[in-house]
Structures are given as C-alpha cells and as structure tokens.
Amino acid sequence: MVRSSEMSSYVQAHLLSGEQVVYEAKRSPVAAYSGAAIFAITGLIVSVLAKAAPVFGLFLVLALIAAVAGFLQLKTSEYAVTNRRVLVKQGVVVWKSMELLLGKVEGISVDQNIAGRIIGYGSVTVNGTGGGRDPFKGVDKPFELRKAVQHQLEVANAESNSAQ
C-alpha cells in the first residue's frame, strides 16, 4: 500500500471517502526522454555527415526542448489503482484523465513495441462499459499495472459474492 505522503497530488486530491491506493505506477523515464535522445543523436549524425556544427546546435536546442517536455511528462503523469477505481492523469497544460469504477472495467490491455519489451514500458488501455478506449502511453512496468487492476477486480468480485 502507498502511504499518503508518497501519493501523487492528483490521485490524493481525488480519493473518495474510505478509498485507499493499492498500486501506483509512473511514466517511464525512457519513454519520456526518448524524443530528446533521438534529436541529439540525429543532430550529431547529420552534423558529422554535413560537416556543419551549426546543424548540431539546432538539433541540440530541439533536444533540450524535448527533454524539458519529457521531464514535465514524467512529473505530471499519474496512474493509480485503488480499492474502488482506476485513476489516470497525464499532462500539464492540457490534461487527459480517466477515473473508472472497478465495476465498470471490461478489460485492460497492454501494447509494447520492441524497445518497450526490452526496457519495460508500454501503452495501457483500460476498457470500460460504454466508453473510452484511449491508450495511456509510456507507462513504466505496464504489466504490473494491469496485474494490479485484475487483482482488485478479483477482490471486488469476491467481496460482492460474499455479501450476497
């Protein structure tokens, strides 16, 4: 269980009465900074091939911008499973959020490319009854998040069956 002092601000601010966080995931640092790395490497290759140092400077500026964007994504993306819901929030200026009651979860899927399988990140899509299927990209350890949702679904079903 995650102590409240460790919980992220969005999750902490949106907990219901009696709700407890049972699992919290983060955005993958590799996914967050990959754009910056691509700009830097591309700039280095192009500047060496073209023998033009100013080209590298331009790509370095683009890499710095991508690194700042990646840092913001890393610090503002929040994924949590509680004893009642799945909560997700991504973004700084424009937020993409989802709060889904466990009883409304139809399924959860994970998509990974080759780099994601090697390094351990991927996209997670939580399918709810009658609604959205937007993937949340760049989740660190996505299969652990899926497992936490599935476990809480089992707990909720067991509690529901024992109450009847």
N, C-alpha and C. Protein backbone atom coordinates (compact mmCIF):
# COMPACT_ATOMS: atom_id res chain seq x y z
N MET A 1 0.83 -1.18 0.00
CA MET A 1 0.00 0.00 0.00
C MET A 1 0.89 1.25 0.00
N VAL A 2 0.42 2.30 -0.62
CA VAL A 2 1.17 3.55 -0.73
C VAL A 2 0.73 4.48 0.39
N ARG A 3 1.70 5.03 1.14
CA ARG A 3 1.36 5.99 2.18
C ARG A 3 0.94 7.30 1.54
N SER A 4 0.06 8.05 2.20
CA SER A 4 -0.49 9.28 1.61
C SER A 4 0.60 10.30 1.31
N SER A 5 1.69 10.32 2.06
CA SER A 5 2.77 11.28 1.78
C SER A 5 3.49 10.94 0.48
N GLU A 6 3.38 9.67 0.02
CA GLU A 6 4.03 9.27 -1.22
C GLU A 6 3.12 9.41 -2.43
N MET A 7 1.82 9.57 -2.20
CA MET A 7 0.88 9.62 -3.30
C MET A 7 1.02 10.91 -4.10
N SER A 8 0.72 10.81 -5.37
CA SER A 8 0.79 11.97 -6.24
C SER A 8 -0.38 12.92 -5.95
N SER A 9 -0.22 14.15 -6.34
CA SER A 9 -1.19 15.19 -5.98
C SER A 9 -2.57 14.95 -6.59
N TYR A 10 -2.65 14.58 -7.86
CA TYR A 10 -3.95 14.35 -8.49
C TYR A 10 -4.69 13.20 -7.82
N VAL A 11 -4.00 12.11 -7.63
CA VAL A 11 -4.62 10.94 -7.00
C VAL A 11 -5.08 11.29 -5.59
N GLN A 12 -4.21 11.90 -4.82
CA GLN A 12 -4.54 12.25 -3.44
C GLN A 12 -5.75 13.18 -3.39
N ALA A 13 -5.81 14.14 -4.29
CA ALA A 13 -6.91 15.11 -4.30
C ALA A 13 -8.24 14.50 -4.74
N HIS A 14 -8.22 13.36 -5.41
CA HIS A 14 -9.44 12.78 -5.95
C HIS A 14 -9.87 11.47 -5.30
N LEU A 15 -9.27 11.13 -4.15
CA LEU A 15 -9.71 9.93 -3.44
C LEU A 15 -11.07 10.16 -2.80
N LEU A 16 -11.90 9.14 -2.84
CA LEU A 16 -13.21 9.20 -2.21
C LEU A 16 -13.09 8.79 -0.75
N SER A 17 -14.12 9.04 0.02
CA SER A 17 -14.12 8.65 1.43
C SER A 17 -13.95 7.14 1.55
N GLY A 18 -12.97 6.71 2.34
CA GLY A 18 -12.71 5.29 2.54
C GLY A 18 -11.93 4.62 1.42
N GLU A 19 -11.55 5.37 0.42
CA GLU A 19 -10.80 4.80 -0.71
C GLU A 19 -9.31 4.77 -0.38
N GLN A 20 -8.65 3.67 -0.76
CA GLN A 20 -7.22 3.52 -0.49
C GLN A 20 -6.49 3.14 -1.76
N VAL A 21 -5.32 3.73 -1.95
CA VAL A 21 -4.48 3.39 -3.10
C VAL A 21 -3.81 2.06 -2.80
N VAL A 22 -3.93 1.11 -3.75
CA VAL A 22 -3.28 -0.19 -3.58
C VAL A 22 -2.10 -0.36 -4.53
N TYR A 23 -2.07 0.45 -5.61
CA TYR A 23 -0.94 0.38 -6.54
C TYR A 23 -0.84 1.71 -7.26
N GLU A 24 0.39 2.18 -7.42
CA GLU A 24 0.62 3.42 -8.16
C GLU A 24 1.77 3.20 -9.13
N ALA A 25 1.56 3.58 -10.39
CA ALA A 25 2.58 3.44 -11.42
C ALA A 25 3.04 4.83 -11.85
N LYS A 26 4.14 4.86 -12.56
CA LYS A 26 4.72 6.11 -13.05
C LYS A 26 4.93 6.03 -14.56
N ARG A 27 5.23 7.15 -15.15
CA ARG A 27 5.61 7.19 -16.56
C ARG A 27 7.05 6.70 -16.66
N SER A 28 7.36 6.03 -17.74
CA SER A 28 8.71 5.51 -17.96
C SER A 28 9.66 6.65 -18.30
N PRO A 29 10.80 6.76 -17.59
CA PRO A 29 11.79 7.78 -17.94
C PRO A 29 12.32 7.59 -19.36
N VAL A 30 12.46 6.35 -19.80
CA VAL A 30 12.95 6.09 -21.16
C VAL A 30 11.96 6.65 -22.18
N ALA A 31 10.68 6.40 -21.96
CA ALA A 31 9.66 6.91 -22.89
C ALA A 31 9.63 8.45 -22.86
N ALA A 32 9.79 9.01 -21.67
CA ALA A 32 9.73 10.47 -21.53
C ALA A 32 10.88 11.18 -22.23
N TYR A 33 12.08 10.59 -22.17
CA TYR A 33 13.26 11.26 -22.72
C TYR A 33 13.70 10.73 -24.08
N SER A 34 12.98 9.81 -24.67
CA SER A 34 13.40 9.23 -25.95
C SER A 34 13.43 10.26 -27.07
N GLY A 35 12.49 11.18 -27.09
CA GLY A 35 12.48 12.22 -28.13
C GLY A 35 13.74 13.08 -28.07
N ALA A 36 14.16 13.44 -26.86
CA ALA A 36 15.38 14.24 -26.70
C ALA A 36 16.60 13.47 -27.19
N ALA A 37 16.66 12.20 -26.88
CA ALA A 37 17.80 11.38 -27.32
C ALA A 37 17.82 11.26 -28.84
N ILE A 38 16.66 11.10 -29.44
CA ILE A 38 16.60 10.99 -30.91
C ILE A 38 17.07 12.28 -31.57
N PHE A 39 16.64 13.43 -31.06
CA PHE A 39 17.10 14.71 -31.62
C PHE A 39 18.61 14.86 -31.48
N ALA A 40 19.15 14.53 -30.32
CA ALA A 40 20.59 14.68 -30.09
C ALA A 40 21.40 13.77 -31.00
N ILE A 41 21.00 12.51 -31.11
CA ILE A 41 21.74 11.56 -31.95
C ILE A 41 21.62 11.93 -33.43
N THR A 42 20.41 12.30 -33.85
CA THR A 42 20.21 12.70 -35.24
C THR A 42 21.05 13.94 -35.57
N GLY A 43 21.06 14.90 -34.66
CA GLY A 43 21.87 16.10 -34.86
C GLY A 43 23.34 15.80 -34.98
N LEU A 44 23.82 14.90 -34.16
CA LEU A 44 25.23 14.51 -34.21
C LEU A 44 25.56 13.85 -35.55
N ILE A 45 24.72 12.94 -35.99
CA ILE A 45 24.96 12.23 -37.26
C ILE A 45 24.90 13.20 -38.44
N VAL A 46 23.88 14.05 -38.46
CA VAL A 46 23.72 15.00 -39.58
C VAL A 46 24.88 15.99 -39.60
N SER A 47 25.29 16.48 -38.44
CA SER A 47 26.38 17.47 -38.42
C SER A 47 27.72 16.85 -38.83
N VAL A 48 27.95 15.58 -38.48
CA VAL A 48 29.18 14.91 -38.90
C VAL A 48 29.15 14.68 -40.41
N LEU A 49 28.02 14.20 -40.92
CA LEU A 49 27.92 13.93 -42.36
C LEU A 49 27.97 15.21 -43.18
N ALA A 50 27.34 16.26 -42.70
CA ALA A 50 27.31 17.53 -43.43
C ALA A 50 28.50 18.43 -43.08
N LYS A 51 29.27 18.03 -42.08
CA LYS A 51 30.42 18.81 -41.61
C LYS A 51 30.01 20.25 -41.30
N ALA A 52 28.89 20.35 -40.56
CA ALA A 52 28.35 21.67 -40.22
C ALA A 52 27.96 21.68 -38.75
N ALA A 53 28.76 22.34 -37.93
CA ALA A 53 28.50 22.42 -36.49
C ALA A 53 27.20 23.15 -36.15
N PRO A 54 26.80 24.20 -36.90
CA PRO A 54 25.52 24.87 -36.57
C PRO A 54 24.31 23.93 -36.64
N VAL A 55 24.38 22.92 -37.50
CA VAL A 55 23.28 21.96 -37.59
C VAL A 55 23.13 21.22 -36.26
N PHE A 56 24.27 20.85 -35.66
CA PHE A 56 24.23 20.16 -34.38
C PHE A 56 23.63 21.07 -33.31
N GLY A 57 23.97 22.35 -33.36
CA GLY A 57 23.41 23.32 -32.40
C GLY A 57 21.90 23.40 -32.49
N LEU A 58 21.37 23.40 -33.69
CA LEU A 58 19.92 23.43 -33.88
C LEU A 58 19.28 22.18 -33.29
N PHE A 59 19.85 21.02 -33.61
CA PHE A 59 19.31 19.77 -33.07
C PHE A 59 19.46 19.70 -31.55
N LEU A 60 20.52 20.30 -31.02
CA LEU A 60 20.73 20.32 -29.57
C LEU A 60 19.64 21.16 -28.89
N VAL A 61 19.26 22.27 -29.51
CA VAL A 61 18.17 23.09 -28.97
C VAL A 61 16.87 22.29 -28.99
N LEU A 62 16.60 21.59 -30.10
CA LEU A 62 15.40 20.76 -30.18
C LEU A 62 15.44 19.64 -29.13
N ALA A 63 16.61 19.07 -28.91
CA ALA A 63 16.75 18.02 -27.90
C ALA A 63 16.48 18.57 -26.50
N LEU A 64 16.94 19.79 -26.24
CA LEU A 64 16.70 20.42 -24.94
C LEU A 64 15.21 20.67 -24.73
N ILE A 65 14.53 21.15 -25.75
CA ILE A 65 13.08 21.37 -25.66
C ILE A 65 12.36 20.04 -25.41
N ALA A 66 12.76 19.00 -26.12
CA ALA A 66 12.15 17.68 -25.94
C ALA A 66 12.44 17.13 -24.54
N ALA A 67 13.62 17.41 -24.01
CA ALA A 67 13.98 16.95 -22.67
C ALA A 67 13.12 17.64 -21.61
N VAL A 68 12.88 18.93 -21.77
CA VAL A 68 12.01 19.66 -20.83
C VAL A 68 10.58 19.11 -20.90
N ALA A 69 10.09 18.87 -22.12
CA ALA A 69 8.76 18.29 -22.28
C ALA A 69 8.70 16.91 -21.65
N GLY A 70 9.74 16.11 -21.83
CA GLY A 70 9.80 14.79 -21.22
C GLY A 70 9.81 14.85 -19.70
N PHE A 71 10.54 15.80 -19.16
CA PHE A 71 10.59 15.97 -17.70
C PHE A 71 9.20 16.31 -17.16
N LEU A 72 8.51 17.21 -17.86
CA LEU A 72 7.16 17.58 -17.42
C LEU A 72 6.21 16.39 -17.51
N GLN A 73 6.33 15.59 -18.58
CA GLN A 73 5.50 14.38 -18.70
C GLN A 73 5.80 13.42 -17.55
N LEU A 74 7.06 13.26 -17.24
CA LEU A 74 7.48 12.35 -16.18
C LEU A 74 6.91 12.77 -14.83
N LYS A 75 6.93 14.05 -14.56
CA LYS A 75 6.49 14.56 -13.25
C LYS A 75 4.97 14.71 -13.13
N THR A 76 4.25 14.77 -14.25
CA THR A 76 2.81 15.04 -14.17
C THR A 76 1.93 13.87 -14.56
N SER A 77 2.50 12.75 -14.93
CA SER A 77 1.70 11.57 -15.29
C SER A 77 1.49 10.72 -14.05
N GLU A 78 0.24 10.38 -13.78
CA GLU A 78 -0.10 9.63 -12.59
C GLU A 78 -1.05 8.49 -12.95
N TYR A 79 -0.76 7.30 -12.42
CA TYR A 79 -1.57 6.11 -12.67
C TYR A 79 -1.76 5.42 -11.33
N ALA A 80 -3.01 5.18 -10.92
CA ALA A 80 -3.24 4.54 -9.62
C ALA A 80 -4.41 3.58 -9.70
N VAL A 81 -4.30 2.54 -8.89
CA VAL A 81 -5.39 1.59 -8.69
C VAL A 81 -5.76 1.69 -7.22
N THR A 82 -7.03 1.91 -6.94
CA THR A 82 -7.49 1.96 -5.56
C THR A 82 -8.38 0.74 -5.31
N ASN A 83 -8.88 0.65 -4.11
CA ASN A 83 -9.80 -0.43 -3.79
C ASN A 83 -11.16 -0.24 -4.46
N ARG A 84 -11.37 0.90 -5.15
CA ARG A 84 -12.65 1.17 -5.83
C ARG A 84 -12.54 1.54 -7.30
N ARG A 85 -11.41 2.14 -7.70
CA ARG A 85 -11.32 2.72 -9.05
C ARG A 85 -9.93 2.58 -9.64
N VAL A 86 -9.87 2.92 -10.94
CA VAL A 86 -8.62 3.12 -11.65
C VAL A 86 -8.58 4.60 -11.99
N LEU A 87 -7.49 5.27 -11.64
CA LEU A 87 -7.34 6.70 -11.91
C LEU A 87 -6.09 6.92 -12.75
N VAL A 88 -6.23 7.73 -13.80
CA VAL A 88 -5.10 8.06 -14.66
C VAL A 88 -5.16 9.55 -14.98
N LYS A 89 -4.00 10.20 -14.94
CA LYS A 89 -3.91 11.61 -15.35
C LYS A 89 -2.58 11.82 -16.04
N GLN A 90 -2.62 12.44 -17.21
CA GLN A 90 -1.41 12.82 -17.94
C GLN A 90 -1.56 14.26 -18.38
N GLY A 91 -0.44 14.97 -18.42
CA GLY A 91 -0.45 16.32 -18.98
C GLY A 91 -0.19 17.41 -17.97
N VAL A 92 0.20 18.57 -18.50
CA VAL A 92 0.48 19.75 -17.70
C VAL A 92 -0.53 20.83 -18.02
N VAL A 93 -0.48 21.36 -19.23
CA VAL A 93 -1.39 22.41 -19.65
C VAL A 93 -2.73 21.79 -20.05
N VAL A 94 -2.67 20.76 -20.87
CA VAL A 94 -3.87 20.03 -21.30
C VAL A 94 -3.84 18.68 -20.59
N TRP A 95 -4.85 18.43 -19.79
CA TRP A 95 -4.93 17.18 -19.05
C TRP A 95 -5.72 16.14 -19.81
N LYS A 96 -5.27 14.92 -19.69
CA LYS A 96 -6.04 13.76 -20.16
C LYS A 96 -6.21 12.91 -18.91
N SER A 97 -7.45 12.76 -18.46
CA SER A 97 -7.65 11.99 -17.24
C SER A 97 -8.77 10.98 -17.43
N MET A 98 -8.74 9.95 -16.58
CA MET A 98 -9.76 8.93 -16.60
C MET A 98 -9.91 8.41 -15.18
N GLU A 99 -11.12 8.31 -14.73
CA GLU A 99 -11.43 7.69 -13.44
C GLU A 99 -12.55 6.69 -13.71
N LEU A 100 -12.26 5.42 -13.49
CA LEU A 100 -13.20 4.37 -13.84
C LEU A 100 -13.43 3.46 -12.63
N LEU A 101 -14.70 3.30 -12.24
CA LEU A 101 -15.03 2.39 -11.15
C LEU A 101 -14.65 0.97 -11.54
N LEU A 102 -14.13 0.20 -10.60
CA LEU A 102 -13.71 -1.16 -10.89
C LEU A 102 -14.86 -1.99 -11.48
N GLY A 103 -16.06 -1.76 -11.01
CA GLY A 103 -17.22 -2.50 -11.52
C GLY A 103 -17.54 -2.21 -12.97
N LYS A 104 -16.99 -1.14 -13.51
CA LYS A 104 -17.24 -0.75 -14.91
C LYS A 104 -16.10 -1.17 -15.85
N VAL A 105 -15.05 -1.79 -15.30
CA VAL A 105 -13.92 -2.22 -16.12
C VAL A 105 -14.29 -3.50 -16.87
N GLU A 106 -14.21 -3.44 -18.19
CA GLU A 106 -14.46 -4.63 -19.02
C GLU A 106 -13.16 -5.36 -19.33
N GLY A 107 -12.08 -4.61 -19.44
CA GLY A 107 -10.79 -5.21 -19.76
C GLY A 107 -9.69 -4.18 -19.71
N ILE A 108 -8.47 -4.69 -19.68
CA ILE A 108 -7.30 -3.81 -19.69
C ILE A 108 -6.26 -4.47 -20.58
N SER A 109 -5.71 -3.69 -21.50
CA SER A 109 -4.74 -4.25 -22.44
C SER A 109 -3.44 -3.46 -22.39
N VAL A 110 -2.37 -4.16 -22.77
CA VAL A 110 -1.03 -3.56 -22.81
C VAL A 110 -0.48 -3.74 -24.21
N ASP A 111 0.05 -2.68 -24.78
CA ASP A 111 0.73 -2.73 -26.07
C ASP A 111 2.17 -2.28 -25.86
N GLN A 112 3.11 -3.06 -26.43
CA GLN A 112 4.52 -2.72 -26.33
C GLN A 112 5.19 -2.92 -27.67
N ASN A 113 6.07 -1.99 -28.02
CA ASN A 113 6.93 -2.20 -29.17
C ASN A 113 8.19 -2.93 -28.70
N ILE A 114 9.13 -3.14 -29.58
CA ILE A 114 10.33 -3.90 -29.22
C ILE A 114 11.10 -3.20 -28.11
N ALA A 115 11.30 -1.90 -28.22
CA ALA A 115 12.03 -1.16 -27.18
C ALA A 115 11.28 -1.25 -25.85
N GLY A 116 9.97 -1.16 -25.89
CA GLY A 116 9.18 -1.26 -24.67
C GLY A 116 9.32 -2.61 -23.99
N ARG A 117 9.37 -3.67 -24.79
CA ARG A 117 9.55 -5.01 -24.21
C ARG A 117 10.92 -5.15 -23.57
N ILE A 118 11.94 -4.60 -24.22
CA ILE A 118 13.30 -4.71 -23.70
C ILE A 118 13.47 -3.87 -22.42
N ILE A 119 12.96 -2.65 -22.44
CA ILE A 119 13.20 -1.71 -21.35
C ILE A 119 12.10 -1.74 -20.29
N GLY A 120 10.89 -2.18 -20.67
CA GLY A 120 9.83 -2.34 -19.68
C GLY A 120 8.82 -1.22 -19.62
N TYR A 121 8.42 -0.67 -20.76
CA TYR A 121 7.35 0.32 -20.76
C TYR A 121 6.38 0.00 -21.90
N GLY A 122 5.20 0.61 -21.85
CA GLY A 122 4.22 0.36 -22.90
C GLY A 122 3.00 1.24 -22.73
N SER A 123 2.02 0.99 -23.58
CA SER A 123 0.74 1.71 -23.53
C SER A 123 -0.28 0.83 -22.83
N VAL A 124 -1.07 1.44 -21.96
CA VAL A 124 -2.12 0.73 -21.24
C VAL A 124 -3.46 1.32 -21.65
N THR A 125 -4.40 0.45 -22.00
CA THR A 125 -5.75 0.88 -22.34
C THR A 125 -6.71 0.17 -21.40
N VAL A 126 -7.47 0.96 -20.65
CA VAL A 126 -8.50 0.41 -19.76
C VAL A 126 -9.83 0.58 -20.47
N ASN A 127 -10.48 -0.54 -20.75
CA ASN A 127 -11.77 -0.52 -21.45
C ASN A 127 -12.89 -0.57 -20.42
N GLY A 128 -13.75 0.44 -20.49
CA GLY A 128 -14.89 0.49 -19.58
C GLY A 128 -16.18 0.26 -20.33
N THR A 129 -17.20 -0.09 -19.59
CA THR A 129 -18.51 -0.32 -20.21
C THR A 129 -18.99 0.99 -20.83
N GLY A 130 -19.34 0.90 -22.10
CA GLY A 130 -19.91 2.03 -22.82
C GLY A 130 -18.97 3.18 -23.06
N GLY A 131 -17.66 2.96 -23.04
CA GLY A 131 -16.87 4.16 -23.23
C GLY A 131 -15.44 3.97 -23.65
N GLY A 132 -14.73 5.07 -23.46
CA GLY A 132 -13.41 5.34 -23.97
C GLY A 132 -12.39 4.22 -23.95
N ARG A 133 -11.62 4.24 -25.01
CA ARG A 133 -10.55 3.27 -25.15
C ARG A 133 -9.25 3.97 -25.56
N ASP A 134 -9.00 5.13 -25.00
CA ASP A 134 -7.77 5.85 -25.33
C ASP A 134 -6.60 5.22 -24.60
N PRO A 135 -5.51 4.94 -25.33
CA PRO A 135 -4.35 4.37 -24.66
C PRO A 135 -3.59 5.44 -23.88
N PHE A 136 -3.02 5.03 -22.75
CA PHE A 136 -2.14 5.89 -21.98
C PHE A 136 -0.73 5.39 -22.25
N LYS A 137 0.04 6.22 -22.94
CA LYS A 137 1.34 5.79 -23.47
C LYS A 137 2.47 6.04 -22.50
N GLY A 138 3.52 5.22 -22.63
CA GLY A 138 4.75 5.42 -21.87
C GLY A 138 4.67 5.03 -20.41
N VAL A 139 3.81 4.08 -20.06
CA VAL A 139 3.67 3.65 -18.67
C VAL A 139 4.82 2.71 -18.31
N ASP A 140 5.49 2.98 -17.20
CA ASP A 140 6.56 2.13 -16.71
C ASP A 140 5.95 0.87 -16.10
N LYS A 141 6.49 -0.29 -16.44
CA LYS A 141 6.02 -1.58 -15.94
C LYS A 141 4.50 -1.75 -16.15
N PRO A 142 4.05 -1.69 -17.41
CA PRO A 142 2.60 -1.73 -17.68
C PRO A 142 1.92 -3.03 -17.26
N PHE A 143 2.64 -4.15 -17.29
CA PHE A 143 2.02 -5.42 -16.91
C PHE A 143 1.75 -5.48 -15.41
N GLU A 144 2.56 -4.78 -14.62
CA GLU A 144 2.30 -4.70 -13.18
C GLU A 144 1.05 -3.88 -12.90
N LEU A 145 0.85 -2.82 -13.67
CA LEU A 145 -0.38 -2.03 -13.54
C LEU A 145 -1.58 -2.88 -13.91
N ARG A 146 -1.49 -3.60 -15.01
CA ARG A 146 -2.60 -4.48 -15.43
C ARG A 146 -2.88 -5.53 -14.36
N LYS A 147 -1.84 -6.12 -13.81
CA LYS A 147 -2.00 -7.14 -12.77
C LYS A 147 -2.69 -6.56 -11.53
N ALA A 148 -2.33 -5.33 -11.16
CA ALA A 148 -2.95 -4.67 -10.00
C ALA A 148 -4.44 -4.44 -10.25
N VAL A 149 -4.81 -4.02 -11.46
CA VAL A 149 -6.23 -3.83 -11.79
C VAL A 149 -6.95 -5.16 -11.73
N GLN A 150 -6.37 -6.20 -12.32
CA GLN A 150 -7.00 -7.52 -12.32
C GLN A 150 -7.16 -8.05 -10.90
N HIS A 151 -6.15 -7.83 -10.06
CA HIS A 151 -6.23 -8.29 -8.67
C HIS A 151 -7.38 -7.57 -7.95
N GLN A 152 -7.49 -6.27 -8.13
CA GLN A 152 -8.56 -5.53 -7.45
C GLN A 152 -9.93 -5.94 -7.98
N LEU A 153 -10.02 -6.29 -9.26
CA LEU A 153 -11.28 -6.81 -9.79
C LEU A 153 -11.66 -8.12 -9.10
N GLU A 154 -10.68 -8.99 -8.88
CA GLU A 154 -10.93 -10.26 -8.18
C GLU A 154 -11.38 -10.00 -6.75
N VAL A 155 -10.72 -9.08 -6.06
CA VAL A 155 -11.09 -8.73 -4.68
C VAL A 155 -12.50 -8.19 -4.64
N ALA A 156 -12.83 -7.28 -5.57
CA ALA A 156 -14.18 -6.70 -5.60
C ALA A 156 -15.23 -7.76 -5.88
N ASN A 157 -14.94 -8.68 -6.80
CA ASN A 157 -15.88 -9.76 -7.11
C ASN A 157 -16.06 -10.68 -5.91
N ALA A 158 -14.98 -11.01 -5.21
CA ALA A 158 -15.07 -11.86 -4.03
C ALA A 158 -15.89 -11.20 -2.94
N GLU A 159 -15.69 -9.90 -2.73
CA GLU A 159 -16.46 -9.17 -1.72
C GLU A 159 -17.94 -9.11 -2.10
N SER A 160 -18.20 -8.93 -3.40
CA SER A 160 -19.58 -8.88 -3.88
C SER A 160 -20.28 -10.22 -3.69
N ASN A 161 -19.57 -11.31 -3.98
CA ASN A 161 -20.15 -12.65 -3.84
C ASN A 161 -20.38 -13.03 -2.39
N SER A 162 -19.46 -12.60 -1.50
CA SER A 162 -19.63 -12.94 -0.08
C SER A 162 -20.74 -12.11 0.58
N ALA A 163 -21.05 -10.94 0.02
CA ALA A 163 -22.11 -10.11 0.57
C ALA A 163 -23.49 -10.64 0.18
N GLN A 164 -23.54 -11.45 -0.85
CA GLN A 164 -24.85 -11.95 -1.31
C GLN A 164 -25.23 -13.16 -0.60
